[in-house]
Amino acid sequence: MTADDAGTAPEAGSRPVPGLHARRRRPARLERWRAWRRSRPFWGGLLLILSGLELFAIPLSGDLIHGAIKLVIYIGIAGVFGVLIGALLVAAGLAIWLNQTHKTFYGVAGIVLGIVSFPASNLGGLFIGMLLAIVGGSIAFAWTPIQPAPDGMPGSATSSDAGEAALS
């Protein structure tokens, strides 16, 4: 094949490309994923989940191999608060994804838990978990769905823009 016929149509006797139906299904799944993601404060919830996992993982990183009873003895009170705050942040992030009508409460709760993690849990998970929680809670709090404009008005939303949301 030369560079001249690289973009030409296949010849009349050529066979169909295998896997063509799989390529047609992928955009439909991708569009469903995009519609789901844009209908809720996805990035705020993701940042809250990541901050919770980070706060949860630091105290438990080396202590889980010692057994459940020794866990409290080794990690101390800061580690217990890290696990508790981390679990609450993961729960808040999942709740934002699953119940976006209460995003204001869970966003503010994520911000407060991020701030509380600073003195309670090893400087907020070495500042990373605290900052992720504050940014994720702020994004979730500020998220609002975009309302499509009525048809016929200037600047009306097209079908691809109708499902988009601010900060998604």
N, C-alpha and C. Protein backbone atom coordinates (compact mmCIF):
# COMPACT_ATOMS: atom_id res chain seq x y z
N MET A 1 0.86 -1.17 0.00
CA MET A 1 0.00 0.00 0.00
C MET A 1 0.90 1.22 0.00
N THR A 2 0.61 2.14 -0.88
CA THR A 2 1.41 3.36 -0.95
C THR A 2 0.73 4.47 -0.18
N ALA A 3 1.41 5.56 -0.06
CA ALA A 3 0.85 6.70 0.67
C ALA A 3 -0.33 7.31 -0.07
N ASP A 4 -0.43 7.08 -1.40
CA ASP A 4 -1.51 7.67 -2.18
C ASP A 4 -2.86 7.02 -1.88
N ASP A 5 -2.87 5.70 -1.64
CA ASP A 5 -4.16 5.05 -1.40
C ASP A 5 -4.35 4.67 0.06
N ALA A 6 -3.74 5.37 0.98
CA ALA A 6 -3.87 5.06 2.40
C ALA A 6 -5.27 5.37 2.92
N GLY A 7 -5.94 6.37 2.39
CA GLY A 7 -7.25 6.73 2.90
C GLY A 7 -8.38 6.37 1.98
N THR A 8 -8.15 5.53 0.98
CA THR A 8 -9.22 5.19 0.04
C THR A 8 -10.12 4.12 0.60
N ALA A 9 -11.27 3.96 -0.01
CA ALA A 9 -12.24 2.95 0.41
C ALA A 9 -11.73 1.57 0.05
N PRO A 10 -12.17 0.52 0.78
CA PRO A 10 -11.72 -0.84 0.47
C PRO A 10 -12.23 -1.28 -0.90
N GLU A 11 -11.53 -2.24 -1.45
CA GLU A 11 -11.91 -2.75 -2.76
C GLU A 11 -13.22 -3.51 -2.67
N ALA A 12 -13.85 -3.76 -3.82
CA ALA A 12 -15.16 -4.39 -3.88
C ALA A 12 -15.15 -5.81 -3.33
N GLY A 13 -14.06 -6.54 -3.48
CA GLY A 13 -14.01 -7.93 -3.04
C GLY A 13 -13.50 -8.10 -1.62
N SER A 14 -13.25 -7.05 -0.91
CA SER A 14 -12.69 -7.18 0.43
C SER A 14 -13.75 -7.60 1.44
N ARG A 15 -13.31 -8.25 2.50
CA ARG A 15 -14.23 -8.74 3.53
C ARG A 15 -14.43 -7.68 4.60
N PRO A 16 -15.52 -7.76 5.37
CA PRO A 16 -15.73 -6.80 6.46
C PRO A 16 -14.69 -6.98 7.55
N VAL A 17 -14.43 -5.92 8.24
CA VAL A 17 -13.44 -5.92 9.30
C VAL A 17 -14.03 -6.63 10.52
N PRO A 18 -13.32 -7.65 11.06
CA PRO A 18 -13.85 -8.31 12.27
C PRO A 18 -13.85 -7.34 13.44
N GLY A 19 -14.84 -7.49 14.29
CA GLY A 19 -14.94 -6.63 15.46
C GLY A 19 -15.63 -5.30 15.18
N LEU A 20 -16.25 -5.17 14.03
CA LEU A 20 -16.92 -3.92 13.68
C LEU A 20 -18.09 -3.66 14.61
N HIS A 21 -18.81 -4.71 15.01
CA HIS A 21 -19.95 -4.53 15.90
C HIS A 21 -19.49 -4.12 17.30
N ALA A 22 -18.33 -4.60 17.73
CA ALA A 22 -17.81 -4.21 19.04
C ALA A 22 -17.48 -2.73 19.06
N ARG A 23 -16.99 -2.20 17.94
CA ARG A 23 -16.70 -0.78 17.89
C ARG A 23 -17.97 0.05 17.90
N ARG A 24 -19.05 -0.46 17.38
CA ARG A 24 -20.31 0.28 17.38
C ARG A 24 -20.93 0.30 18.78
N ARG A 25 -20.72 -0.74 19.58
CA ARG A 25 -21.27 -0.77 20.93
C ARG A 25 -20.50 0.11 21.89
N ARG A 26 -19.22 0.26 21.67
CA ARG A 26 -18.40 1.05 22.59
C ARG A 26 -18.87 2.49 22.70
N PRO A 27 -19.17 3.19 21.61
CA PRO A 27 -19.65 4.56 21.77
C PRO A 27 -20.96 4.65 22.55
N ALA A 28 -21.83 3.67 22.42
CA ALA A 28 -23.09 3.70 23.18
C ALA A 28 -22.79 3.59 24.68
N ARG A 29 -21.89 2.68 25.05
CA ARG A 29 -21.52 2.57 26.46
C ARG A 29 -20.81 3.83 26.94
N LEU A 30 -19.97 4.37 26.08
CA LEU A 30 -19.25 5.59 26.43
C LEU A 30 -20.22 6.76 26.60
N GLU A 31 -21.22 6.83 25.75
CA GLU A 31 -22.22 7.89 25.89
C GLU A 31 -23.05 7.73 27.15
N ARG A 32 -23.41 6.48 27.51
CA ARG A 32 -24.13 6.25 28.77
C ARG A 32 -23.27 6.65 29.96
N TRP A 33 -21.98 6.30 29.91
CA TRP A 33 -21.06 6.68 30.99
C TRP A 33 -20.97 8.19 31.10
N ARG A 34 -20.83 8.87 29.97
CA ARG A 34 -20.73 10.34 29.98
C ARG A 34 -22.01 10.96 30.51
N ALA A 35 -23.15 10.43 30.12
CA ALA A 35 -24.42 10.97 30.62
C ALA A 35 -24.55 10.76 32.13
N TRP A 36 -24.15 9.58 32.62
CA TRP A 36 -24.20 9.33 34.06
C TRP A 36 -23.25 10.26 34.80
N ARG A 37 -22.02 10.40 34.28
CA ARG A 37 -21.01 11.23 34.93
C ARG A 37 -21.40 12.69 34.95
N ARG A 38 -22.04 13.17 33.90
CA ARG A 38 -22.40 14.58 33.82
C ARG A 38 -23.69 14.90 34.58
N SER A 39 -24.40 13.89 35.02
CA SER A 39 -25.65 14.14 35.74
C SER A 39 -25.43 14.25 37.25
N ARG A 40 -24.21 14.27 37.69
CA ARG A 40 -23.89 14.34 39.12
C ARG A 40 -22.52 14.98 39.30
N PRO A 41 -22.17 15.42 40.51
CA PRO A 41 -20.84 16.01 40.75
C PRO A 41 -19.76 14.93 40.82
N PHE A 42 -19.42 14.36 39.68
CA PHE A 42 -18.53 13.20 39.62
C PHE A 42 -17.14 13.51 40.17
N TRP A 43 -16.54 14.60 39.73
CA TRP A 43 -15.15 14.88 40.13
C TRP A 43 -15.05 15.23 41.61
N GLY A 44 -16.03 15.90 42.16
CA GLY A 44 -16.03 16.17 43.58
C GLY A 44 -16.09 14.89 44.39
N GLY A 45 -16.97 13.97 43.99
CA GLY A 45 -17.07 12.69 44.67
C GLY A 45 -15.81 11.85 44.53
N LEU A 46 -15.19 11.91 43.34
CA LEU A 46 -13.96 11.15 43.14
C LEU A 46 -12.84 11.69 44.03
N LEU A 47 -12.72 13.00 44.13
CA LEU A 47 -11.68 13.57 44.99
C LEU A 47 -11.93 13.25 46.47
N LEU A 48 -13.20 13.24 46.88
CA LEU A 48 -13.50 12.87 48.27
C LEU A 48 -13.15 11.40 48.54
N ILE A 49 -13.43 10.54 47.58
CA ILE A 49 -13.10 9.12 47.75
C ILE A 49 -11.59 8.94 47.80
N LEU A 50 -10.87 9.63 46.92
CA LEU A 50 -9.40 9.52 46.93
C LEU A 50 -8.80 10.05 48.23
N SER A 51 -9.35 11.15 48.74
CA SER A 51 -8.83 11.68 50.00
C SER A 51 -9.13 10.72 51.14
N GLY A 52 -10.31 10.12 51.15
CA GLY A 52 -10.63 9.14 52.19
C GLY A 52 -9.73 7.92 52.12
N LEU A 53 -9.46 7.45 50.91
CA LEU A 53 -8.56 6.30 50.78
C LEU A 53 -7.14 6.65 51.22
N GLU A 54 -6.71 7.86 50.93
CA GLU A 54 -5.37 8.28 51.35
C GLU A 54 -5.30 8.39 52.87
N LEU A 55 -6.29 8.99 53.50
CA LEU A 55 -6.31 9.09 54.96
C LEU A 55 -6.46 7.71 55.62
N PHE A 56 -7.17 6.84 54.94
CA PHE A 56 -7.41 5.49 55.45
C PHE A 56 -6.16 4.62 55.30
N ALA A 57 -5.40 4.82 54.24
CA ALA A 57 -4.29 3.93 53.92
C ALA A 57 -3.04 4.22 54.73
N ILE A 58 -2.77 5.46 55.06
CA ILE A 58 -1.52 5.78 55.76
C ILE A 58 -1.44 5.10 57.13
N PRO A 59 -2.46 5.18 57.98
CA PRO A 59 -2.32 4.49 59.28
C PRO A 59 -2.33 2.98 59.16
N LEU A 60 -2.97 2.44 58.13
CA LEU A 60 -3.09 0.99 58.02
C LEU A 60 -2.04 0.37 57.12
N SER A 61 -1.13 1.15 56.57
CA SER A 61 -0.20 0.63 55.56
C SER A 61 0.66 -0.52 56.08
N GLY A 62 1.22 -0.40 57.25
CA GLY A 62 2.08 -1.47 57.75
C GLY A 62 1.51 -2.21 58.93
N ASP A 63 0.38 -1.79 59.45
CA ASP A 63 -0.12 -2.36 60.69
C ASP A 63 -1.14 -3.48 60.49
N LEU A 64 -1.68 -3.65 59.31
CA LEU A 64 -2.68 -4.69 59.11
C LEU A 64 -2.10 -6.09 59.22
N ILE A 65 -0.83 -6.25 59.00
CA ILE A 65 -0.24 -7.58 59.06
C ILE A 65 -0.06 -8.07 60.49
N HIS A 66 -0.22 -7.20 61.48
CA HIS A 66 -0.02 -7.58 62.88
C HIS A 66 -1.29 -8.13 63.53
N GLY A 67 -2.42 -8.02 62.92
CA GLY A 67 -3.66 -8.53 63.48
C GLY A 67 -4.56 -7.42 63.95
N ALA A 68 -5.83 -7.72 64.11
CA ALA A 68 -6.83 -6.70 64.42
C ALA A 68 -6.69 -6.13 65.83
N ILE A 69 -6.31 -6.93 66.80
CA ILE A 69 -6.22 -6.44 68.16
C ILE A 69 -5.01 -5.52 68.33
N LYS A 70 -3.90 -5.86 67.75
CA LYS A 70 -2.71 -5.03 67.85
C LYS A 70 -2.82 -3.76 67.01
N LEU A 71 -3.78 -3.69 66.11
CA LEU A 71 -3.95 -2.54 65.23
C LEU A 71 -4.15 -1.25 66.02
N VAL A 72 -5.01 -1.27 67.03
CA VAL A 72 -5.27 -0.08 67.84
C VAL A 72 -4.04 0.27 68.67
N ILE A 73 -3.31 -0.70 69.13
CA ILE A 73 -2.13 -0.44 69.94
C ILE A 73 -1.04 0.24 69.11
N TYR A 74 -0.85 -0.19 67.88
CA TYR A 74 0.22 0.34 67.06
C TYR A 74 -0.08 1.71 66.48
N ILE A 75 -1.28 1.95 66.01
CA ILE A 75 -1.51 3.20 65.29
C ILE A 75 -1.90 4.34 66.21
N GLY A 76 -2.35 4.09 67.40
CA GLY A 76 -2.67 5.16 68.33
C GLY A 76 -3.94 5.91 67.96
N ILE A 77 -4.18 6.99 68.68
CA ILE A 77 -5.43 7.73 68.50
C ILE A 77 -5.46 8.47 67.17
N ALA A 78 -4.32 8.97 66.69
CA ALA A 78 -4.29 9.66 65.40
C ALA A 78 -4.62 8.70 64.27
N GLY A 79 -4.15 7.46 64.38
CA GLY A 79 -4.46 6.47 63.35
C GLY A 79 -5.92 6.07 63.36
N VAL A 80 -6.51 5.99 64.55
CA VAL A 80 -7.94 5.65 64.64
C VAL A 80 -8.77 6.76 64.00
N PHE A 81 -8.42 8.02 64.30
CA PHE A 81 -9.14 9.13 63.67
C PHE A 81 -8.91 9.15 62.17
N GLY A 82 -7.72 8.79 61.72
CA GLY A 82 -7.46 8.73 60.28
C GLY A 82 -8.33 7.70 59.59
N VAL A 83 -8.47 6.55 60.22
CA VAL A 83 -9.33 5.50 59.64
C VAL A 83 -10.79 5.95 59.66
N LEU A 84 -11.23 6.54 60.76
CA LEU A 84 -12.62 6.99 60.87
C LEU A 84 -12.93 8.10 59.87
N ILE A 85 -12.09 9.12 59.81
CA ILE A 85 -12.31 10.23 58.88
C ILE A 85 -12.21 9.74 57.44
N GLY A 86 -11.26 8.85 57.16
CA GLY A 86 -11.13 8.30 55.82
C GLY A 86 -12.37 7.53 55.39
N ALA A 87 -12.91 6.72 56.29
CA ALA A 87 -14.13 5.97 55.97
C ALA A 87 -15.31 6.91 55.74
N LEU A 88 -15.41 7.97 56.54
CA LEU A 88 -16.51 8.93 56.36
C LEU A 88 -16.36 9.70 55.04
N LEU A 89 -15.13 10.02 54.64
CA LEU A 89 -14.92 10.71 53.37
C LEU A 89 -15.26 9.82 52.18
N VAL A 90 -14.91 8.55 52.26
CA VAL A 90 -15.28 7.61 51.19
C VAL A 90 -16.80 7.49 51.12
N ALA A 91 -17.45 7.40 52.28
CA ALA A 91 -18.92 7.32 52.30
C ALA A 91 -19.55 8.60 51.73
N ALA A 92 -18.98 9.76 52.05
CA ALA A 92 -19.52 11.02 51.51
C ALA A 92 -19.33 11.08 50.01
N GLY A 93 -18.19 10.64 49.50
CA GLY A 93 -17.97 10.63 48.05
C GLY A 93 -18.93 9.71 47.33
N LEU A 94 -19.15 8.52 47.88
CA LEU A 94 -20.11 7.60 47.27
C LEU A 94 -21.53 8.14 47.36
N ALA A 95 -21.87 8.78 48.46
CA ALA A 95 -23.21 9.35 48.60
C ALA A 95 -23.42 10.49 47.61
N ILE A 96 -22.39 11.25 47.31
CA ILE A 96 -22.52 12.32 46.31
C ILE A 96 -22.79 11.71 44.95
N TRP A 97 -22.13 10.60 44.63
CA TRP A 97 -22.37 9.94 43.35
C TRP A 97 -23.77 9.35 43.27
N LEU A 98 -24.22 8.73 44.34
CA LEU A 98 -25.47 7.98 44.29
C LEU A 98 -26.69 8.84 44.61
N ASN A 99 -26.53 9.94 45.32
CA ASN A 99 -27.66 10.78 45.72
C ASN A 99 -27.27 12.24 45.56
N GLN A 100 -27.26 12.70 44.32
CA GLN A 100 -26.77 14.05 44.04
C GLN A 100 -27.71 15.14 44.53
N THR A 101 -28.89 14.81 44.98
CA THR A 101 -29.78 15.85 45.50
C THR A 101 -29.30 16.39 46.84
N HIS A 102 -28.53 15.60 47.57
CA HIS A 102 -27.99 16.03 48.87
C HIS A 102 -26.52 16.39 48.77
N LYS A 103 -26.09 16.83 47.60
CA LYS A 103 -24.69 17.15 47.36
C LYS A 103 -24.20 18.28 48.24
N THR A 104 -25.07 19.21 48.62
CA THR A 104 -24.66 20.33 49.46
C THR A 104 -24.22 19.84 50.84
N PHE A 105 -25.01 18.97 51.45
CA PHE A 105 -24.66 18.44 52.76
C PHE A 105 -23.37 17.64 52.72
N TYR A 106 -23.26 16.73 51.75
CA TYR A 106 -22.08 15.88 51.68
C TYR A 106 -20.84 16.67 51.27
N GLY A 107 -21.01 17.70 50.46
CA GLY A 107 -19.88 18.56 50.11
C GLY A 107 -19.36 19.32 51.31
N VAL A 108 -20.26 19.90 52.08
CA VAL A 108 -19.85 20.62 53.29
C VAL A 108 -19.26 19.65 54.31
N ALA A 109 -19.85 18.46 54.43
CA ALA A 109 -19.30 17.46 55.34
C ALA A 109 -17.89 17.05 54.92
N GLY A 110 -17.65 16.93 53.62
CA GLY A 110 -16.31 16.60 53.13
C GLY A 110 -15.30 17.69 53.45
N ILE A 111 -15.72 18.95 53.31
CA ILE A 111 -14.83 20.07 53.64
C ILE A 111 -14.50 20.06 55.13
N VAL A 112 -15.53 19.89 55.95
CA VAL A 112 -15.32 19.88 57.41
C VAL A 112 -14.44 18.70 57.82
N LEU A 113 -14.68 17.53 57.26
CA LEU A 113 -13.85 16.37 57.59
C LEU A 113 -12.41 16.57 57.13
N GLY A 114 -12.22 17.24 56.00
CA GLY A 114 -10.86 17.53 55.55
C GLY A 114 -10.14 18.46 56.49
N ILE A 115 -10.85 19.48 56.98
CA ILE A 115 -10.24 20.42 57.93
C ILE A 115 -9.97 19.74 59.27
N VAL A 116 -10.89 18.90 59.72
CA VAL A 116 -10.72 18.18 60.99
C VAL A 116 -9.57 17.19 60.90
N SER A 117 -9.29 16.67 59.71
CA SER A 117 -8.21 15.70 59.57
C SER A 117 -6.84 16.31 59.81
N PHE A 118 -6.71 17.63 59.70
CA PHE A 118 -5.41 18.26 59.91
C PHE A 118 -4.89 18.04 61.34
N PRO A 119 -5.64 18.43 62.38
CA PRO A 119 -5.10 18.17 63.72
C PRO A 119 -5.34 16.74 64.19
N ALA A 120 -6.33 16.05 63.64
CA ALA A 120 -6.70 14.74 64.18
C ALA A 120 -5.94 13.58 63.55
N SER A 121 -5.44 13.74 62.34
CA SER A 121 -4.88 12.59 61.65
C SER A 121 -3.61 12.93 60.89
N ASN A 122 -2.50 12.99 61.58
CA ASN A 122 -1.19 13.12 60.95
C ASN A 122 -1.13 14.25 59.92
N LEU A 123 -1.47 15.44 60.34
CA LEU A 123 -1.46 16.63 59.47
C LEU A 123 -2.32 16.44 58.22
N GLY A 124 -3.47 15.84 58.42
CA GLY A 124 -4.39 15.66 57.29
C GLY A 124 -3.86 14.70 56.25
N GLY A 125 -3.21 13.64 56.67
CA GLY A 125 -2.65 12.69 55.72
C GLY A 125 -1.51 13.32 54.95
N LEU A 126 -0.63 14.00 55.67
CA LEU A 126 0.51 14.70 55.08
C LEU A 126 0.04 15.74 54.07
N PHE A 127 -0.99 16.45 54.40
CA PHE A 127 -1.60 17.54 53.64
C PHE A 127 -2.32 17.07 52.37
N ILE A 128 -1.99 15.90 51.84
CA ILE A 128 -2.58 15.46 50.58
C ILE A 128 -4.06 15.14 50.76
N GLY A 129 -4.39 14.32 51.75
CA GLY A 129 -5.78 13.96 51.99
C GLY A 129 -6.63 15.16 52.37
N MET A 130 -6.07 16.05 53.16
CA MET A 130 -6.81 17.24 53.57
C MET A 130 -7.13 18.12 52.36
N LEU A 131 -6.15 18.37 51.52
CA LEU A 131 -6.38 19.22 50.35
C LEU A 131 -7.34 18.57 49.35
N LEU A 132 -7.21 17.27 49.15
CA LEU A 132 -8.14 16.58 48.25
C LEU A 132 -9.57 16.67 48.78
N ALA A 133 -9.74 16.52 50.09
CA ALA A 133 -11.08 16.60 50.69
C ALA A 133 -11.66 18.00 50.56
N ILE A 134 -10.86 19.02 50.79
CA ILE A 134 -11.36 20.39 50.70
C ILE A 134 -11.73 20.73 49.25
N VAL A 135 -10.89 20.37 48.31
CA VAL A 135 -11.18 20.66 46.90
C VAL A 135 -12.37 19.84 46.41
N GLY A 136 -12.41 18.55 46.76
CA GLY A 136 -13.53 17.69 46.34
C GLY A 136 -14.86 18.14 46.93
N GLY A 137 -14.85 18.50 48.20
CA GLY A 137 -16.09 19.00 48.82
C GLY A 137 -16.52 20.31 48.22
N SER A 138 -15.57 21.17 47.86
CA SER A 138 -15.91 22.45 47.24
C SER A 138 -16.50 22.25 45.85
N ILE A 139 -15.93 21.34 45.08
CA ILE A 139 -16.47 21.06 43.75
C ILE A 139 -17.87 20.49 43.85
N ALA A 140 -18.07 19.56 44.79
CA ALA A 140 -19.39 18.96 44.96
C ALA A 140 -20.41 20.00 45.42
N PHE A 141 -19.99 20.89 46.29
CA PHE A 141 -20.90 21.94 46.78
C PHE A 141 -21.27 22.90 45.66
N ALA A 142 -20.33 23.24 44.80
CA ALA A 142 -20.56 24.24 43.76
C ALA A 142 -21.22 23.69 42.51
N TRP A 143 -21.31 22.38 42.35
CA TRP A 143 -21.83 21.78 41.13
C TRP A 143 -23.32 22.07 40.96
N THR A 144 -23.69 22.47 39.76
CA THR A 144 -25.11 22.63 39.40
C THR A 144 -25.31 22.09 37.99
N PRO A 145 -26.42 21.41 37.76
CA PRO A 145 -26.66 20.91 36.40
C PRO A 145 -27.03 22.07 35.47
N ILE A 146 -26.63 21.95 34.22
CA ILE A 146 -26.98 22.97 33.23
C ILE A 146 -28.36 22.65 32.69
N GLN A 147 -29.22 23.64 32.72
CA GLN A 147 -30.57 23.48 32.18
C GLN A 147 -30.53 23.79 30.68
N PRO A 148 -31.04 22.90 29.84
CA PRO A 148 -31.03 23.18 28.41
C PRO A 148 -31.97 24.34 28.07
N ALA A 149 -31.53 25.19 27.15
CA ALA A 149 -32.36 26.31 26.71
C ALA A 149 -33.45 25.79 25.79
N PRO A 150 -34.60 26.44 25.76
CA PRO A 150 -35.66 26.01 24.85
C PRO A 150 -35.20 26.14 23.39
N ASP A 151 -35.70 25.24 22.53
CA ASP A 151 -35.33 25.29 21.12
C ASP A 151 -35.83 26.56 20.48
N GLY A 152 -35.09 27.05 19.52
CA GLY A 152 -35.49 28.25 18.81
C GLY A 152 -34.90 29.52 19.40
N MET A 153 -34.42 29.46 20.62
CA MET A 153 -33.81 30.64 21.21
C MET A 153 -32.34 30.68 20.83
N PRO A 154 -31.79 31.87 20.66
CA PRO A 154 -30.37 31.94 20.34
C PRO A 154 -29.54 31.37 21.48
N GLY A 155 -28.52 30.60 21.11
CA GLY A 155 -27.66 30.00 22.12
C GLY A 155 -28.27 28.78 22.76
N SER A 156 -29.25 28.15 22.10
CA SER A 156 -29.86 26.96 22.69
C SER A 156 -28.86 25.82 22.66
N ALA A 157 -28.99 24.93 23.63
CA ALA A 157 -28.06 23.82 23.76
C ALA A 157 -28.36 22.77 22.71
N THR A 158 -27.32 22.18 22.17
CA THR A 158 -27.51 21.08 21.25
C THR A 158 -27.72 19.81 22.04
N SER A 159 -28.02 18.73 21.34
CA SER A 159 -28.29 17.48 22.05
C SER A 159 -27.07 16.98 22.79
N SER A 160 -25.86 17.24 22.31
CA SER A 160 -24.67 16.78 23.02
C SER A 160 -24.37 17.65 24.24
N ASP A 161 -24.80 18.91 24.25
CA ASP A 161 -24.54 19.78 25.38
C ASP A 161 -25.62 19.69 26.45
N ALA A 162 -26.75 19.08 26.15
CA ALA A 162 -27.88 19.10 27.07
C ALA A 162 -27.58 18.40 28.39
N GLY A 163 -26.76 17.35 28.36
CA GLY A 163 -26.49 16.60 29.57
C GLY A 163 -25.29 17.10 30.34
N GLU A 164 -24.59 18.08 29.83
CA GLU A 164 -23.40 18.55 30.52
C GLU A 164 -23.76 19.32 31.77
N ALA A 165 -22.86 19.32 32.70
CA ALA A 165 -23.08 20.04 33.94
C ALA A 165 -21.84 20.88 34.23
N ALA A 166 -22.07 21.93 34.96
CA ALA A 166 -20.95 22.80 35.33
C ALA A 166 -20.00 22.03 36.24
N LEU A 167 -18.73 22.20 36.03
CA LEU A 167 -17.67 21.58 36.83
C LEU A 167 -17.68 20.06 36.76
N SER A 168 -18.16 19.49 35.65
CA SER A 168 -18.11 18.03 35.59
C SER A 168 -17.02 17.55 34.70
